């Protein structure tokens, strides 16, 4: 979420501009931990969210975050 927040900031946007988040988890056992971390970043009106359990993520990552952001 920090990386997403940083990238949004570089483009003059914030997490408030996010319309939808997709979380890809290599281990669904980590869902509660990931959800707790997610809730620390997103408050107020939360974007739509999908969580997907996957077998493997690029580079051995545990979690990948994909966001759809309003540009205007």
PDB file of N, CA and C in Angstrom:
ATOM      1  N   UNK A   1       0.835  -1.185   0.000  1.00  0.00           N
ATOM      2  CA  UNK A   1       0.000   0.000   0.000  1.00  0.00           C
ATOM      3  C   UNK A   1       0.879   1.248   0.000  1.00  0.00           C
ATOM      4  N   UNK A   2       2.026   1.175   0.670  1.00  0.00           N
ATOM      5  CA  UNK A   2       2.933   2.323   0.658  1.00  0.00           C
ATOM      6  C   UNK A   2       3.413   2.615  -0.760  1.00  0.00           C
ATOM      7  N   UNK A   3       3.741   1.570  -1.503  1.00  0.00           N
ATOM      8  CA  UNK A   3       4.206   1.762  -2.880  1.00  0.00           C
ATOM      9  C   UNK A   3       3.097   2.358  -3.742  1.00  0.00           C
ATOM     10  N   UNK A   4       1.874   1.889  -3.567  1.00  0.00           N
ATOM     11  CA  UNK A   4       0.739   2.433  -4.324  1.00  0.00           C
ATOM     12  C   UNK A   4       0.528   3.889  -3.961  1.00  0.00           C
ATOM     13  N   UNK A   5       0.557   4.191  -2.676  1.00  0.00           N
ATOM     14  CA  UNK A   5       0.364   5.566  -2.211  1.00  0.00           C
ATOM     15  C   UNK A   5       1.460   6.486  -2.773  1.00  0.00           C
ATOM     16  N   UNK A   6       2.688   6.006  -2.800  1.00  0.00           N
ATOM     17  CA  UNK A   6       3.810   6.779  -3.329  1.00  0.00           C
ATOM     18  C   UNK A   6       3.638   7.031  -4.827  1.00  0.00           C
ATOM     19  N   UNK A   7       3.280   6.000  -5.562  1.00  0.00           N
ATOM     20  CA  UNK A   7       3.090   6.132  -7.010  1.00  0.00           C
ATOM     21  C   UNK A   7       1.947   7.087  -7.329  1.00  0.00           C
ATOM     22  N   UNK A   8       0.881   7.010  -6.572  1.00  0.00           N
ATOM     23  CA  UNK A   8      -0.239   7.937  -6.756  1.00  0.00           C
ATOM     24  C   UNK A   8       0.219   9.374  -6.500  1.00  0.00           C
ATOM     25  N   UNK A   9       0.997   9.573  -5.451  1.00  0.00           N
ATOM     26  CA  UNK A   9       1.500  10.902  -5.113  1.00  0.00           C
ATOM     27  C   UNK A   9       2.353  11.491  -6.222  1.00  0.00           C
ATOM     28  N   UNK A  10       3.140  10.657  -6.880  1.00  0.00           N
ATOM     29  CA  UNK A  10       3.966  11.128  -8.003  1.00  0.00           C
ATOM     30  C   UNK A  10       3.114  11.666  -9.145  1.00  0.00           C
ATOM     31  N   UNK A  11       1.883  11.220  -9.201  1.00  0.00           N
ATOM     32  CA  UNK A  11       0.971  11.629 -10.271  1.00  0.00           C
ATOM     33  C   UNK A  11      -0.085  12.633  -9.786  1.00  0.00           C
ATOM     34  N   UNK A  12       0.135  13.156  -8.581  1.00  0.00           N
ATOM     35  CA  UNK A  12      -0.786  14.146  -8.040  1.00  0.00           C
ATOM     36  C   UNK A  12      -2.103  13.562  -7.571  1.00  0.00           C
ATOM     37  N   UNK A  13      -2.108  12.280  -7.248  1.00  0.00           N
ATOM     38  CA  UNK A  13      -3.316  11.586  -6.798  1.00  0.00           C
ATOM     39  C   UNK A  13      -3.085  11.025  -5.403  1.00  0.00           C
ATOM     40  N   UNK A  14      -4.160  10.553  -4.791  1.00  0.00           N
ATOM     41  CA  UNK A  14      -4.058   9.932  -3.471  1.00  0.00           C
ATOM     42  C   UNK A  14      -4.940   8.687  -3.446  1.00  0.00           C
ATOM     43  N   UNK A  15      -4.920   7.993  -2.333  1.00  0.00           N
ATOM     44  CA  UNK A  15      -5.765   6.806  -2.194  1.00  0.00           C
ATOM     45  C   UNK A  15      -7.249   7.160  -2.300  1.00  0.00           C
ATOM     46  N   UNK A  16      -7.599   8.420  -2.066  1.00  0.00           N
ATOM     47  CA  UNK A  16      -8.987   8.855  -2.219  1.00  0.00           C
ATOM     48  C   UNK A  16      -9.451   8.792  -3.670  1.00  0.00           C
ATOM     49  N   UNK A  17      -8.510   8.770  -4.622  1.00  0.00           N
ATOM     50  CA  UNK A  17      -8.839   8.718  -6.042  1.00  0.00           C
ATOM     51  C   UNK A  17      -8.983   7.290  -6.566  1.00  0.00           C
ATOM     52  N   UNK A  18      -8.716   6.305  -5.720  1.00  0.00           N
ATOM     53  CA  UNK A  18      -8.795   4.898  -6.129  1.00  0.00           C
ATOM     54  C   UNK A  18     -10.257   4.461  -6.185  1.00  0.00           C
ATOM     55  N   UNK A  19     -10.641   3.896  -7.337  1.00  0.00           N
ATOM     56  CA  UNK A  19     -12.009   3.416  -7.536  1.00  0.00           C
ATOM     57  C   UNK A  19     -12.156   1.946  -7.174  1.00  0.00           C
ATOM     58  N   UNK A  20     -11.100   1.150  -7.444  1.00  0.00           N
ATOM     59  CA  UNK A  20     -11.169  -0.289  -7.194  1.00  0.00           C
ATOM     60  C   UNK A  20      -9.770  -0.809  -6.910  1.00  0.00           C
ATOM     61  N   UNK A  21      -9.692  -1.725  -5.964  1.00  0.00           N
ATOM     62  CA  UNK A  21      -8.438  -2.394  -5.597  1.00  0.00           C
ATOM     63  C   UNK A  21      -8.629  -3.894  -5.793  1.00  0.00           C
ATOM     64  N   UNK A  22      -7.613  -4.530  -6.380  1.00  0.00           N
ATOM     65  CA  UNK A  22      -7.577  -5.988  -6.418  1.00  0.00           C
ATOM     66  C   UNK A  22      -6.330  -6.426  -5.674  1.00  0.00           C
ATOM     67  N   UNK A  23      -6.516  -7.279  -4.686  1.00  0.00           N
ATOM     68  CA  UNK A  23      -5.406  -7.840  -3.916  1.00  0.00           C
ATOM     69  C   UNK A  23      -5.192  -9.277  -4.374  1.00  0.00           C
ATOM     70  N   UNK A  24      -3.989  -9.593  -4.772  1.00  0.00           N
ATOM     71  CA  UNK A  24      -3.623 -10.960  -5.150  1.00  0.00           C
ATOM     72  C   UNK A  24      -2.771 -11.527  -4.023  1.00  0.00           C
ATOM     73  N   UNK A  25      -3.226 -12.600  -3.405  1.00  0.00           N
ATOM     74  CA  UNK A  25      -2.518 -13.205  -2.265  1.00  0.00           C
ATOM     75  C   UNK A  25      -1.979 -14.578  -2.638  1.00  0.00           C
ATOM     76  N   UNK A  26      -0.698 -14.787  -2.376  1.00  0.00           N
ATOM     77  CA  UNK A  26      -0.097 -16.098  -2.616  1.00  0.00           C
ATOM     78  C   UNK A  26      -0.515 -17.096  -1.539  1.00  0.00           C
ATOM     79  N   UNK A  27      -0.938 -16.591  -0.388  1.00  0.00           N
ATOM     80  CA  UNK A  27      -1.391 -17.441   0.714  1.00  0.00           C
ATOM     81  C   UNK A  27      -2.652 -16.840   1.328  1.00  0.00           C
ATOM     82  N   UNK A  28      -3.777 -17.496   1.184  1.00  0.00           N
ATOM     83  CA  UNK A  28      -5.017 -16.957   1.756  1.00  0.00           C
ATOM     84  C   UNK A  28      -4.974 -16.944   3.280  1.00  0.00           C
ATOM     85  N   UNK A  29      -4.058 -17.707   3.868  1.00  0.00           N
ATOM     86  CA  UNK A  29      -3.897 -17.665   5.325  1.00  0.00           C
ATOM     87  C   UNK A  29      -3.482 -16.271   5.790  1.00  0.00           C
ATOM     88  N   UNK A  30      -2.931 -15.462   4.894  1.00  0.00           N
ATOM     89  CA  UNK A  30      -2.476 -14.110   5.234  1.00  0.00           C
ATOM     90  C   UNK A  30      -3.599 -13.079   5.095  1.00  0.00           C
ATOM     91  N   UNK A  31      -4.806 -13.517   4.748  1.00  0.00           N
ATOM     92  CA  UNK A  31      -5.903 -12.578   4.478  1.00  0.00           C
ATOM     93  C   UNK A  31      -6.151 -11.614   5.646  1.00  0.00           C
ATOM     94  N   UNK A  32      -6.236 -12.110   6.851  1.00  0.00           N
ATOM     95  CA  UNK A  32      -6.527 -11.256   8.003  1.00  0.00           C
ATOM     96  C   UNK A  32      -5.424 -10.217   8.191  1.00  0.00           C
ATOM     97  N   UNK A  33      -4.177 -10.618   8.094  1.00  0.00           N
ATOM     98  CA  UNK A  33      -3.053  -9.703   8.225  1.00  0.00           C
ATOM     99  C   UNK A  33      -3.101  -8.630   7.131  1.00  0.00           C
ATOM    100  N   UNK A  34      -3.316  -9.049   5.893  1.00  0.00           N
ATOM    101  CA  UNK A  34      -3.377  -8.117   4.761  1.00  0.00           C
ATOM    102  C   UNK A  34      -4.571  -7.177   4.914  1.00  0.00           C
ATOM    103  N   UNK A  35      -5.699  -7.704   5.334  1.00  0.00           N
ATOM    104  CA  UNK A  35      -6.889  -6.878   5.523  1.00  0.00           C
ATOM    105  C   UNK A  35      -6.661  -5.821   6.606  1.00  0.00           C
ATOM    106  N   UNK A  36      -6.006  -6.194   7.686  1.00  0.00           N
ATOM    107  CA  UNK A  36      -5.696  -5.236   8.753  1.00  0.00           C
ATOM    108  C   UNK A  36      -4.790  -4.120   8.225  1.00  0.00           C
ATOM    109  N   UNK A  37      -3.775  -4.478   7.453  1.00  0.00           N
ATOM    110  CA  UNK A  37      -2.879  -3.481   6.867  1.00  0.00           C
ATOM    111  C   UNK A  37      -3.642  -2.586   5.894  1.00  0.00           C
ATOM    112  N   UNK A  38      -4.490  -3.172   5.079  1.00  0.00           N
ATOM    113  CA  UNK A  38      -5.302  -2.424   4.111  1.00  0.00           C
ATOM    114  C   UNK A  38      -6.159  -1.380   4.824  1.00  0.00           C
ATOM    115  N   UNK A  39      -6.787  -1.769   5.923  1.00  0.00           N
ATOM    116  CA  UNK A  39      -7.676  -0.868   6.652  1.00  0.00           C
ATOM    117  C   UNK A  39      -6.933   0.310   7.279  1.00  0.00           C
ATOM    118  N   UNK A  40      -5.634   0.170   7.517  1.00  0.00           N
ATOM    119  CA  UNK A  40      -4.852   1.296   8.044  1.00  0.00           C
ATOM    120  C   UNK A  40      -4.653   2.387   6.992  1.00  0.00           C
ATOM    121  N   UNK A  41      -4.736   2.029   5.723  1.00  0.00           N
ATOM    122  CA  UNK A  41      -4.523   2.985   4.637  1.00  0.00           C
ATOM    123  C   UNK A  41      -5.818   3.558   4.075  1.00  0.00           C
ATOM    124  N   UNK A  42      -6.873   2.785   4.110  1.00  0.00           N
ATOM    125  CA  UNK A  42      -8.126   3.197   3.479  1.00  0.00           C
ATOM    126  C   UNK A  42      -9.167   3.458   4.566  1.00  0.00           C
ATOM    127  N   UNK A  43      -9.645   4.691   4.614  1.00  0.00           N
ATOM    128  CA  UNK A  43     -10.692   5.018   5.583  1.00  0.00           C
ATOM    129  C   UNK A  43     -11.751   5.864   4.879  1.00  0.00           C
ATOM    130  N   UNK A  44     -12.821   6.125   5.562  1.00  0.00           N
ATOM    131  CA  UNK A  44     -13.909   6.885   4.931  1.00  0.00           C
ATOM    132  C   UNK A  44     -14.598   6.035   3.878  1.00  0.00           C
ATOM    133  N   UNK A  45     -14.776   6.611   2.700  1.00  0.00           N
ATOM    134  CA  UNK A  45     -15.424   5.883   1.606  1.00  0.00           C
ATOM    135  C   UNK A  45     -14.394   4.966   0.952  1.00  0.00           C
ATOM    136  N   UNK A  46     -14.536   3.671   1.162  1.00  0.00           N
ATOM    137  CA  UNK A  46     -13.549   2.717   0.653  1.00  0.00           C
ATOM    138  C   UNK A  46     -13.883   2.323  -0.789  1.00  0.00           C
ATOM    139  N   UNK A  47     -12.850   2.101  -1.593  1.00  0.00           N
ATOM    140  CA  UNK A  47     -13.085   1.671  -2.975  1.00  0.00           C
ATOM    141  C   UNK A  47     -13.573   0.222  -3.021  1.00  0.00           C
ATOM    142  N   UNK A  48     -14.179  -0.151  -4.132  1.00  0.00           N
ATOM    143  CA  UNK A  48     -14.544  -1.554  -4.340  1.00  0.00           C
ATOM    144  C   UNK A  48     -13.269  -2.386  -4.234  1.00  0.00           C
ATOM    145  N   UNK A  49     -13.404  -3.619  -3.751  1.00  0.00           N
ATOM    146  CA  UNK A  49     -12.215  -4.452  -3.571  1.00  0.00           C
ATOM    147  C   UNK A  49     -12.519  -5.900  -3.912  1.00  0.00           C
ATOM    148  N   UNK A  50     -11.546  -6.516  -4.563  1.00  0.00           N
ATOM    149  CA  UNK A  50     -11.590  -7.944  -4.851  1.00  0.00           C
ATOM    150  C   UNK A  50     -10.309  -8.558  -4.307  1.00  0.00           C
ATOM    151  N   UNK A  51     -10.421  -9.726  -3.696  1.00  0.00           N
ATOM    152  CA  UNK A  51      -9.247 -10.451  -3.223  1.00  0.00           C
ATOM    153  C   UNK A  51      -9.200 -11.783  -3.957  1.00  0.00           C
ATOM    154  N   UNK A  52      -8.031 -12.085  -4.527  1.00  0.00           N
ATOM    155  CA  UNK A  52      -7.862 -13.286  -5.340  1.00  0.00           C
ATOM    156  C   UNK A  52      -6.734 -14.130  -4.755  1.00  0.00           C
ATOM    157  N   UNK A  53      -6.998 -15.408  -4.563  1.00  0.00           N
ATOM    158  CA  UNK A  53      -5.994 -16.364  -4.121  1.00  0.00           C
ATOM    159  C   UNK A  53      -5.288 -16.899  -5.364  1.00  0.00           C
ATOM    160  N   UNK A  54      -3.957 -16.760  -5.411  1.00  0.00           N
ATOM    161  CA  UNK A  54      -3.189 -17.222  -6.561  1.00  0.00           C
ATOM    162  C   UNK A  54      -2.134 -18.218  -6.112  1.00  0.00           C
ATOM    163  N   UNK A  55      -1.640 -19.005  -7.056  1.00  0.00           N
ATOM    164  CA  UNK A  55      -0.622 -20.004  -6.734  1.00  0.00           C
ATOM    165  C   UNK A  55       0.747 -19.382  -6.519  1.00  0.00           C
ATOM    166  N   UNK A  56       1.058 -18.355  -7.309  1.00  0.00           N
ATOM    167  CA  UNK A  56       2.388 -17.771  -7.269  1.00  0.00           C
ATOM    168  C   UNK A  56       2.322 -16.342  -7.773  1.00  0.00           C
ATOM    169  N   UNK A  57       3.190 -15.480  -7.265  1.00  0.00           N
ATOM    170  CA  UNK A  57       3.273 -14.093  -7.716  1.00  0.00           C
ATOM    171  C   UNK A  57       4.679 -13.808  -8.208  1.00  0.00           C
ATOM    172  N   UNK A  58       4.804 -12.885  -9.114  1.00  0.00           N
ATOM    173  CA  UNK A  58       6.071 -12.506  -9.709  1.00  0.00           C
ATOM    174  C   UNK A  58       7.093 -12.143  -8.634  1.00  0.00           C
ATOM    175  N   UNK A  59       8.274 -12.672  -8.780  1.00  0.00           N
ATOM    176  CA  UNK A  59       9.353 -12.365  -7.846  1.00  0.00           C
ATOM    177  C   UNK A  59       9.180 -12.980  -6.471  1.00  0.00           C
ATOM    178  N   UNK A  60       8.231 -13.909  -6.332  1.00  0.00           N
ATOM    179  CA  UNK A  60       8.012 -14.546  -5.046  1.00  0.00           C
ATOM    180  C   UNK A  60       7.271 -13.676  -4.041  1.00  0.00           C
ATOM    181  N   UNK A  61       6.625 -12.611  -4.528  1.00  0.00           N
ATOM    182  CA  UNK A  61       5.882 -11.709  -3.646  1.00  0.00           C
ATOM    183  C   UNK A  61       4.765 -12.460  -2.934  1.00  0.00           C
ATOM    184  N   UNK A  62       4.429 -11.997  -1.747  1.00  0.00           N
ATOM    185  CA  UNK A  62       3.320 -12.573  -0.988  1.00  0.00           C
ATOM    186  C   UNK A  62       2.000 -11.916  -1.370  1.00  0.00           C
ATOM    187  N   UNK A  63       2.069 -10.619  -1.712  1.00  0.00           N
ATOM    188  CA  UNK A  63       0.873  -9.837  -2.043  1.00  0.00           C
ATOM    189  C   UNK A  63       1.195  -8.909  -3.206  1.00  0.00           C
ATOM    190  N   UNK A  64       0.264  -8.789  -4.141  1.00  0.00           N
ATOM    191  CA  UNK A  64       0.346  -7.779  -5.195  1.00  0.00           C
ATOM    192  C   UNK A  64      -0.938  -6.987  -5.162  1.00  0.00           C
ATOM    193  N   UNK A  65      -0.806  -5.661  -5.284  1.00  0.00           N
ATOM    194  CA  UNK A  65      -1.962  -4.756  -5.252  1.00  0.00           C
ATOM    195  C   UNK A  65      -2.105  -4.134  -6.622  1.00  0.00           C
ATOM    196  N   UNK A  66      -3.321  -4.183  -7.149  1.00  0.00           N
ATOM    197  CA  UNK A  66      -3.644  -3.578  -8.442  1.00  0.00           C
ATOM    198  C   UNK A  66      -4.764  -2.580  -8.196  1.00  0.00           C
ATOM    199  N   UNK A  67      -4.600  -1.343  -8.659  1.00  0.00           N
ATOM    200  CA  UNK A  67      -5.599  -0.327  -8.407  1.00  0.00           C
ATOM    201  C   UNK A  67      -6.086   0.336  -9.685  1.00  0.00           C
ATOM    202  N   UNK A  68      -7.371   0.667  -9.697  1.00  0.00           N
ATOM    203  CA  UNK A  68      -7.966   1.470 -10.770  1.00  0.00           C
ATOM    204  C   UNK A  68      -8.210   2.840 -10.172  1.00  0.00           C
ATOM    205  N   UNK A  69      -7.672   3.883 -10.838  1.00  0.00           N
ATOM    206  CA  UNK A  69      -7.681   5.226 -10.272  1.00  0.00           C
ATOM    207  C   UNK A  69      -8.385   6.204 -11.215  1.00  0.00           C
ATOM    208  N   UNK A  70      -9.164   7.115 -10.631  1.00  0.00           N
ATOM    209  CA  UNK A  70      -9.807   8.172 -11.393  1.00  0.00           C
ATOM    210  C   UNK A  70      -8.750   9.203 -11.786  1.00  0.00           C
ATOM    211  N   UNK A  71      -8.641   9.507 -13.066  1.00  0.00           N
ATOM    212  CA  UNK A  71      -7.645  10.475 -13.516  1.00  0.00           C
ATOM    213  C   UNK A  71      -8.183  11.900 -13.515  1.00  0.00           C
ATOM    214  N   UNK A  72      -9.456  12.058 -13.677  1.00  0.00           N
ATOM    215  CA  UNK A  72     -10.052  13.407 -13.708  1.00  0.00           C
ATOM    216  C   UNK A  72     -11.193  13.502 -12.752  1.00  0.00           C
TER     217      UNK A  72
END
